[in-house]
Protein backbone atom coordinates (compact mmCIF):
# COMPACT_ATOMS: atom_id res chain seq x y z
CA MET A 1 -0.66 -22.96 227.03
CA LEU A 2 -1.72 -22.85 230.54
CA ARG A 3 -5.21 -21.64 229.67
CA LEU A 4 -5.49 -24.45 227.12
CA ILE A 5 -4.53 -27.09 229.66
CA GLY A 6 -7.09 -25.54 232.19
CA LYS A 7 -9.77 -25.65 229.58
CA ARG A 8 -8.97 -29.32 228.72
CA LEU A 9 -8.97 -30.42 232.47
CA LEU A 10 -12.37 -28.55 232.98
CA ALA A 11 -13.80 -30.39 229.93
CA ALA A 12 -12.63 -33.71 231.25
CA VAL A 13 -14.49 -33.32 234.60
CA PRO A 14 -17.98 -34.32 233.25
CA SER A 15 -16.40 -37.44 231.61
CA VAL A 16 -14.69 -38.57 234.78
CA ILE A 17 -17.97 -38.02 236.84
CA GLY A 18 -19.91 -40.01 234.15
CA VAL A 19 -17.20 -42.81 234.44
CA LEU A 20 -17.61 -43.04 238.15
CA ILE A 21 -21.42 -43.23 237.96
CA VAL A 22 -21.48 -45.79 235.16
CA THR A 23 -18.71 -47.86 236.87
CA PHE A 24 -20.67 -47.91 240.24
CA LEU A 25 -23.82 -49.05 238.62
CA LEU A 26 -22.31 -51.76 236.47
CA THR A 27 -20.18 -53.28 239.32
CA ARG A 28 -23.41 -53.53 241.27
CA ALA A 29 -24.96 -55.19 238.35
CA LEU A 30 -22.36 -57.98 238.23
CA PRO A 31 -23.42 -61.47 238.93
CA GLY A 32 -22.27 -63.04 242.35
CA ASP A 33 -22.36 -61.72 245.90
CA PRO A 34 -19.14 -60.17 247.28
CA ALA A 35 -20.34 -60.84 250.87
CA ALA A 36 -20.85 -64.60 250.20
CA PHE A 37 -17.46 -64.79 248.50
CA PHE A 38 -15.73 -63.14 251.39
CA ALA A 39 -17.64 -65.24 254.07
CA GLY A 40 -16.59 -68.46 252.47
CA PRO A 41 -18.42 -71.49 250.97
CA ALA A 42 -19.20 -72.86 254.45
CA ALA A 43 -20.87 -69.65 255.86
CA THR A 44 -24.25 -69.55 257.21
CA GLN A 45 -26.81 -66.93 256.03
CA GLN A 46 -26.43 -65.00 259.23
CA ALA A 47 -22.66 -64.78 258.71
CA ILE A 48 -23.10 -63.61 255.13
CA ASP A 49 -25.60 -60.94 256.24
CA GLU A 50 -23.10 -59.64 258.95
CA VAL A 51 -20.34 -59.52 256.33
CA ARG A 52 -22.62 -57.59 253.82
CA LYS A 53 -23.40 -55.08 256.72
CA SER A 54 -19.87 -54.73 257.49
CA LEU A 55 -19.02 -54.01 253.70
CA GLY A 56 -21.93 -51.50 253.56
CA LEU A 57 -23.74 -53.43 251.00
CA ASP A 58 -27.03 -53.60 252.84
CA LYS A 59 -27.65 -49.84 252.22
CA THR A 60 -29.41 -48.57 249.23
CA LEU A 61 -27.40 -47.69 245.92
CA PRO A 62 -27.87 -44.01 246.55
CA GLU A 63 -26.42 -44.27 250.04
CA GLN A 64 -23.59 -46.56 248.86
CA PHE A 65 -22.76 -44.06 246.03
CA VAL A 66 -22.66 -41.11 248.56
CA VAL A 67 -20.29 -43.22 250.80
CA TYR A 68 -18.30 -44.02 247.83
CA LEU A 69 -17.91 -40.26 246.91
CA LYS A 70 -16.98 -39.20 250.35
CA ASP A 71 -14.26 -42.01 250.35
CA LEU A 72 -13.01 -40.94 247.02
CA SER A 73 -12.68 -37.27 248.05
CA THR A 74 -10.19 -38.40 250.81
CA GLY A 75 -8.17 -40.53 248.41
CA ASN A 76 -9.74 -43.77 249.86
CA LEU A 77 -10.73 -46.22 247.04
CA GLY A 78 -11.68 -48.96 249.41
CA ASN A 79 -10.09 -52.28 250.23
CA SER A 80 -9.83 -55.29 248.03
CA ILE A 81 -11.92 -58.22 249.46
CA ALA A 82 -9.55 -60.72 247.94
CA THR A 83 -6.24 -59.34 249.15
CA GLY A 84 -7.40 -57.38 252.10
CA GLN A 85 -5.15 -54.50 251.01
CA PRO A 86 -6.30 -51.02 250.20
CA VAL A 87 -6.93 -50.61 246.54
CA LEU A 88 -4.84 -47.48 246.18
CA THR A 89 -1.95 -49.40 247.56
CA GLU A 90 -2.49 -52.29 245.10
CA ILE A 91 -2.86 -49.90 242.09
CA ARG A 92 0.32 -47.94 243.21
CA THR A 93 2.31 -51.32 243.26
CA ARG A 94 0.95 -52.87 240.12
CA LEU A 95 0.65 -49.69 237.76
CA PRO A 96 4.40 -49.48 236.94
CA ALA A 97 4.35 -53.02 235.72
CA SER A 98 1.55 -52.22 233.36
CA LEU A 99 3.06 -48.88 232.15
CA GLU A 100 6.32 -50.73 231.51
CA LEU A 101 4.66 -53.16 229.29
CA THR A 102 2.66 -50.58 227.55
CA LEU A 103 5.43 -48.02 226.96
CA TYR A 104 7.84 -50.64 225.55
CA GLY A 105 5.06 -51.91 223.43
CA LEU A 106 4.35 -48.51 222.05
CA LEU A 107 7.95 -47.77 221.43
CA VAL A 108 8.54 -50.80 219.36
CA SER A 109 5.40 -50.33 217.45
CA VAL A 110 6.36 -46.70 216.69
CA LEU A 111 10.03 -47.64 215.69
CA ILE A 112 8.63 -50.13 213.11
CA ALA A 113 5.35 -48.80 211.95
CA VAL A 114 6.31 -45.21 211.29
CA PRO A 115 9.38 -45.90 209.05
CA LEU A 116 7.26 -48.54 207.36
CA GLY A 117 4.52 -46.17 206.68
CA ILE A 118 6.88 -43.51 205.33
CA LEU A 119 8.67 -46.10 203.09
CA ALA A 120 5.28 -47.39 201.69
CA ALA A 121 4.11 -43.83 200.97
CA THR A 122 7.26 -42.91 199.09
CA ARG A 123 7.23 -46.13 197.11
CA PRO A 124 3.68 -46.77 196.26
CA GLY A 125 3.08 -50.14 194.52
CA SER A 126 6.56 -51.60 195.59
CA LEU A 127 7.30 -54.63 197.66
CA VAL A 128 7.48 -52.42 200.67
CA ASP A 129 4.02 -51.03 200.11
CA HIS A 130 2.58 -54.48 199.76
CA ALA A 131 4.46 -55.75 202.83
CA CYS A 132 2.93 -52.86 204.82
CA ARG A 133 -0.56 -53.78 203.70
CA VAL A 134 0.00 -57.45 204.62
CA ILE A 135 1.39 -56.45 208.00
CA THR A 136 -1.39 -54.11 208.83
CA THR A 137 -4.07 -56.44 207.74
CA ALA A 138 -2.51 -59.17 209.88
CA GLY A 139 -2.21 -56.93 212.87
CA VAL A 140 -5.79 -55.93 212.69
CA SER A 141 -7.18 -59.45 212.32
CA LEU A 142 -5.15 -61.00 215.21
CA PRO A 143 -6.17 -60.16 218.83
CA ALA A 144 -3.32 -59.23 221.13
CA PHE A 145 -3.99 -62.24 223.35
CA PHE A 146 -4.09 -64.73 220.51
CA THR A 147 -0.81 -63.44 219.27
CA GLY A 148 0.62 -63.68 222.81
CA LEU A 149 -0.47 -67.38 223.22
CA LEU A 150 0.98 -68.14 219.68
CA LEU A 151 4.32 -66.60 220.47
CA VAL A 152 4.51 -68.61 223.85
CA TYR A 153 3.69 -71.73 222.04
CA LEU A 154 6.28 -71.15 219.20
CA LEU A 155 9.15 -69.30 220.91
CA TYR A 156 8.92 -70.81 224.41
CA TYR A 157 7.35 -74.29 224.22
CA ARG A 158 8.41 -75.55 220.69
CA LEU A 159 11.71 -73.59 220.28
CA GLY A 160 12.87 -72.87 223.77
CA TRP A 161 14.17 -69.45 222.62
CA ALA A 162 12.19 -67.26 225.20
CA PRO A 163 11.83 -67.51 229.01
CA ALA A 164 8.91 -68.90 230.73
CA PRO A 165 5.96 -66.40 230.60
CA LEU A 166 5.86 -66.25 234.44
CA GLY A 167 5.96 -62.54 235.31
CA ARG A 168 8.37 -59.61 235.30
CA LEU A 169 11.56 -61.59 236.39
CA ASP A 170 12.81 -65.19 236.43
CA ILE A 171 12.62 -66.91 239.82
CA PHE A 172 16.33 -66.76 240.14
CA PHE A 173 16.60 -62.92 240.03
CA SER A 174 15.42 -60.58 242.71
CA ALA A 175 13.65 -57.11 241.94
CA PRO A 176 15.94 -54.20 241.80
CA THR A 177 15.63 -51.27 244.29
CA THR A 178 12.48 -49.49 243.42
CA VAL A 179 12.95 -46.04 242.00
CA THR A 180 10.67 -45.76 239.06
CA GLY A 181 8.92 -49.06 239.42
CA LEU A 182 10.05 -50.05 235.84
CA TYR A 183 12.50 -52.94 236.45
CA THR A 184 14.62 -52.24 233.31
CA ILE A 185 15.17 -48.67 234.49
CA ASP A 186 15.71 -49.43 238.08
CA ALA A 187 18.09 -52.25 237.08
CA LEU A 188 20.11 -49.73 235.12
CA ILE A 189 20.14 -47.08 237.91
CA GLU A 190 21.32 -49.78 240.21
CA GLY A 191 23.98 -50.85 237.68
CA ASN A 192 22.82 -54.61 237.76
CA LEU A 193 23.12 -55.68 234.17
CA GLU A 194 22.10 -59.14 234.94
CA THR A 195 18.77 -58.13 236.25
CA PHE A 196 18.30 -55.75 233.38
CA ARG A 197 18.82 -58.58 230.78
CA ALA A 198 16.44 -60.83 232.72
CA ALA A 199 13.74 -58.04 232.82
CA CYS A 200 14.18 -57.49 229.05
CA ALA A 201 13.89 -61.35 228.28
CA GLN A 202 10.64 -61.38 230.29
CA LEU A 203 9.32 -58.24 228.32
CA LEU A 204 10.12 -59.79 224.95
CA LEU A 205 7.12 -61.85 224.09
CA PRO A 206 4.36 -59.62 225.63
CA VAL A 207 5.99 -56.56 224.04
CA ILE A 208 6.00 -58.15 220.71
CA ALA A 209 2.47 -59.19 221.07
CA LEU A 210 1.29 -55.71 221.90
CA ALA A 211 3.47 -54.12 219.15
CA ILE A 212 1.97 -56.37 216.50
CA PHE A 213 -1.48 -55.38 217.64
CA THR A 214 -0.84 -51.68 217.49
CA MET A 215 1.51 -51.60 214.34
CA ALA A 216 -1.47 -51.74 211.89
CA PRO A 217 -3.18 -48.43 212.69
CA LEU A 218 -0.01 -46.52 213.07
CA ALA A 219 1.62 -47.84 209.75
CA ARG A 220 -1.79 -47.22 207.86
CA MET A 221 -2.25 -43.69 209.22
CA THR A 222 1.40 -42.85 208.60
CA ARG A 223 1.16 -44.11 204.98
CA ALA A 224 -2.07 -42.35 204.29
CA ALA A 225 -0.98 -38.99 205.85
CA MET A 226 2.24 -39.14 204.03
CA LEU A 227 0.55 -39.93 200.65
CA GLU A 228 -1.77 -36.85 201.03
CA VAL A 229 1.15 -34.47 201.93
CA LEU A 230 3.36 -35.83 199.14
CA ASN A 231 0.76 -35.05 196.53
CA SER A 232 0.35 -31.45 197.82
CA ASP A 233 1.51 -28.37 195.87
CA PHE A 234 4.06 -27.28 198.25
CA ILE A 235 5.84 -30.61 197.88
CA ARG A 236 5.89 -30.45 194.22
CA THR A 237 7.34 -26.91 194.47
CA ALA A 238 10.07 -28.25 196.80
CA ARG A 239 10.93 -30.93 194.30
CA ALA A 240 11.00 -28.45 191.39
CA SER A 241 13.32 -26.27 193.52
CA GLY A 242 15.81 -28.98 193.61
CA LEU A 243 15.82 -29.64 197.41
CA PRO A 244 17.35 -32.90 198.65
CA LYS A 245 14.92 -35.88 198.92
CA GLY A 246 15.50 -36.46 202.41
CA LYS A 247 14.72 -32.83 203.51
CA ILE A 248 11.63 -32.86 201.41
CA ILE A 249 10.30 -36.21 202.85
CA TYR A 250 11.41 -35.79 206.73
CA GLY A 251 11.66 -32.00 206.92
CA TYR A 252 8.57 -30.86 205.20
CA ALA A 253 6.19 -33.97 204.38
CA PHE A 254 6.60 -35.90 207.61
CA ARG A 255 6.21 -32.88 209.82
CA ASN A 256 2.94 -31.84 208.11
CA ALA A 257 1.74 -35.58 208.43
CA MET A 258 2.57 -35.75 212.06
CA LEU A 259 -0.72 -34.38 213.42
CA PRO A 260 -2.86 -37.37 212.30
CA VAL A 261 -0.04 -39.75 213.23
CA ILE A 262 -0.06 -38.28 216.96
CA THR A 263 -3.81 -38.57 217.06
CA THR A 264 -3.59 -42.21 216.15
CA LEU A 265 -0.70 -42.62 218.53
CA GLY A 266 -2.98 -41.56 221.38
CA MET A 267 -5.74 -43.96 220.17
CA VAL A 268 -3.14 -46.66 220.10
CA PHE A 269 -2.07 -45.97 223.58
CA SER A 270 -5.58 -46.35 224.73
CA PHE A 271 -5.90 -49.66 222.69
CA LEU A 272 -2.70 -50.81 224.51
CA LEU A 273 -4.09 -50.03 227.98
CA GLY A 274 -7.30 -52.20 227.13
CA ALA A 275 -5.18 -55.01 225.38
CA ASN A 276 -2.97 -55.21 228.47
CA VAL A 277 -5.76 -56.67 230.44
CA LEU A 278 -5.74 -59.94 228.66
CA VAL A 279 -1.88 -59.91 227.66
CA GLU A 280 -1.08 -59.65 231.30
CA LYS A 281 -3.14 -62.66 232.19
CA VAL A 282 -1.51 -64.72 229.32
CA PHE A 283 1.96 -63.76 230.55
CA SER A 284 1.16 -63.84 234.34
CA TRP A 285 2.08 -60.20 234.40
CA PRO A 286 1.41 -58.60 237.87
CA GLY A 287 -0.09 -55.44 236.57
CA ILE A 288 -3.28 -53.63 237.17
CA GLY A 289 -4.96 -55.68 234.26
CA THR A 290 -4.52 -58.90 236.06
CA PHE A 291 -5.70 -57.25 239.35
CA ALA A 292 -8.90 -56.11 237.57
CA ILE A 293 -9.72 -59.62 236.01
CA GLU A 294 -9.28 -61.37 239.38
CA ALA A 295 -11.47 -58.72 241.06
CA LEU A 296 -14.10 -59.22 238.40
CA ILE A 297 -14.19 -62.94 238.87
CA ALA A 298 -14.57 -62.45 242.56
CA SER A 299 -17.13 -59.52 242.20
CA ASP A 300 -14.82 -57.35 244.08
CA TYR A 301 -16.28 -53.77 243.60
CA ALA A 302 -13.70 -51.67 244.94
CA PRO A 303 -10.66 -52.90 242.69
CA ILE A 304 -12.95 -52.62 239.65
CA GLN A 305 -13.98 -49.15 240.40
CA GLY A 306 -10.39 -48.29 241.22
CA PHE A 307 -9.10 -49.73 237.94
CA VAL A 308 -11.64 -47.94 235.78
CA LEU A 309 -11.01 -44.59 237.50
CA THR A 310 -7.24 -45.11 236.92
CA MET A 311 -7.88 -45.83 233.38
CA ALA A 312 -10.09 -42.77 232.98
CA LEU A 313 -7.53 -40.40 234.55
CA LEU A 314 -4.76 -41.86 232.31
CA TYR A 315 -6.93 -41.16 229.28
CA VAL A 316 -7.43 -37.54 230.49
CA ALA A 317 -3.60 -37.24 230.90
CA LEU A 318 -2.95 -38.85 227.37
CA ASN A 319 -5.40 -36.41 225.64
CA LEU A 320 -3.76 -33.45 227.50
CA ALA A 321 -0.44 -34.69 226.46
CA ILE A 322 -1.56 -34.96 222.74
CA ASP A 323 -3.00 -31.44 222.83
CA VAL A 324 0.42 -30.14 224.01
CA LEU A 325 2.18 -31.92 221.35
CA TYR A 326 -0.29 -30.55 218.73
CA ILE A 327 0.98 -26.92 219.82
CA VAL A 328 4.53 -27.97 219.78
CA ILE A 329 4.40 -29.46 216.33
CA ASP A 330 1.97 -26.74 214.67
CA PRO A 331 1.64 -23.45 217.00
CA ARG A 332 -1.35 -22.51 214.86
CA VAL A 333 -3.48 -25.26 216.75
CA GLY A 334 -3.18 -23.32 219.95
CA PHE A 335 -4.72 -20.29 218.40
CA ASP A 336 -7.57 -22.46 217.00
CA ALA A 337 -8.13 -23.93 220.41
């Protein structure tokens, strides 16, 4: 197991290096001048040049990249021009908000999509099967940010059932004591049920928007994998042996169908991290997605580079977790690796 983890981590190093190089070059190709933005609209050209020199933007690209790598080796991701705070501090503060939204969206998606895919596979041609196809088609067709705007319009503006989409907590509540950074978990640890309910209420609409977006690939893959396994010889043998239907479906068929479902789950998690960027903006969610968009508008290099690097490291950790899950589900995978 440790050998496999080491191999996967070594294989991820070139990818991370490639991400660093591409991100560095693309940020420098962005339109706009960070020095002019930082100096202000009334600044003279001399003031802008002085700001550019203080930010190190007067150096050549190779020199800037070397400085960036030196800072990165010491854990310094630079400072945000817009906020004046270290990028690492901003990411550390905002990442729990994005993870809370992503994890709950993924949890709701799994709890609905996997049982729906299993039911559709065990009842082909039924109403459940047709409903699964309609839901997956709608989920693929609707972008997450559009679904979010639609939910805000219907459930908040028209019906008044949901709270205002203005961040993680209503203005009448204060944040719980930080333990994990996830408001729902921290509120439970603190024993503050009012704050817990308020945090859940704010999560409702963005989580539904993300869940609808990710239900489609999960339900489709679960259905396809289950259909393939249910038509295999060992399932027919199990049925002929008189084994209970529940044991055949969940004990044999679903366990053998889990590997492609886990693979899709990893892809879906990656999609969620990307979809978060726009969903956070729609719901004024103070996560790293909102931070990245604001930095992009301001041509703020350091936060964009820090955001992309964080996403790359999250993807590496996610792929590593999936490899470990493969071995837990089917130990033969470890030998093949």
